[in-house]
Protein backbone atom coordinates (compact mmCIF):
# COMPACT_ATOMS: atom_id res chain seq x y z
CA MET A 1 2.33 -4.98 -12.92
CA LEU A 2 3.13 -7.86 -14.95
CA ALA A 3 -0.13 -9.37 -14.97
CA ALA A 4 -1.78 -6.66 -16.01
CA GLY A 5 0.53 -6.46 -19.50
CA ALA A 6 3.49 -4.00 -17.80
CA THR A 7 6.39 -4.76 -19.38
CA GLU A 8 9.79 -5.56 -16.94
CA ALA A 9 11.33 -2.15 -18.93
CA ALA A 10 8.05 -0.11 -17.79
CA ILE A 11 7.71 -0.87 -14.60
CA LEU A 12 12.18 -0.25 -13.96
CA GLU A 13 11.01 3.74 -15.90
CA SER A 14 8.28 3.99 -13.36
CA TYR A 15 9.87 2.58 -9.95
CA PRO A 16 13.44 3.34 -10.10
CA TYR A 17 14.75 2.25 -7.27
CA LEU A 18 13.75 -1.14 -8.23
CA GLU A 19 15.93 -3.41 -9.94
CA ARG A 20 15.85 -6.76 -11.82
CA ALA A 21 16.75 -8.49 -9.51
CA ASP A 22 13.22 -7.06 -7.10
CA ILE A 23 11.16 -8.33 -10.16
CA GLU A 24 12.44 -11.78 -9.71
CA ALA A 25 12.39 -11.68 -6.55
CA CYS A 26 8.89 -11.18 -6.37
CA LEU A 27 7.97 -14.14 -9.04
CA GLN A 28 10.34 -16.26 -7.16
CA TYR A 29 7.95 -15.54 -3.98
CA ALA A 30 4.58 -16.04 -6.06
CA ALA A 31 6.03 -18.97 -6.95
CA GLN A 32 6.61 -20.90 -4.21
CA GLN A 33 3.37 -19.92 -2.62
CA VAL A 34 1.30 -21.44 -5.57
CA ASP A 35 3.81 -24.90 -5.07
CA HIS A 36 1.96 -26.45 -2.84
CA PRO A 37 -1.12 -29.39 -2.74
CA VAL A 38 -4.68 -28.24 -2.94
CA LEU A 39 -6.66 -29.46 0.19
CA SER A 40 -10.09 -30.31 -0.63
CA LEU A 41 -12.69 -30.03 2.05
CA ALA A 42 -15.50 -31.54 0.45
CA LYS A 43 -17.29 -34.86 1.30
């Protein structure tokens, strides 16, 4: 939702069971997933 332009406030309003820490945890997870070497198998 953040990538689509939603603000944290809008997300938290739409999903009252979430907390700001939940959004931060998602962003940390996403950052870890893209923080690895990219291997090219091209010859």
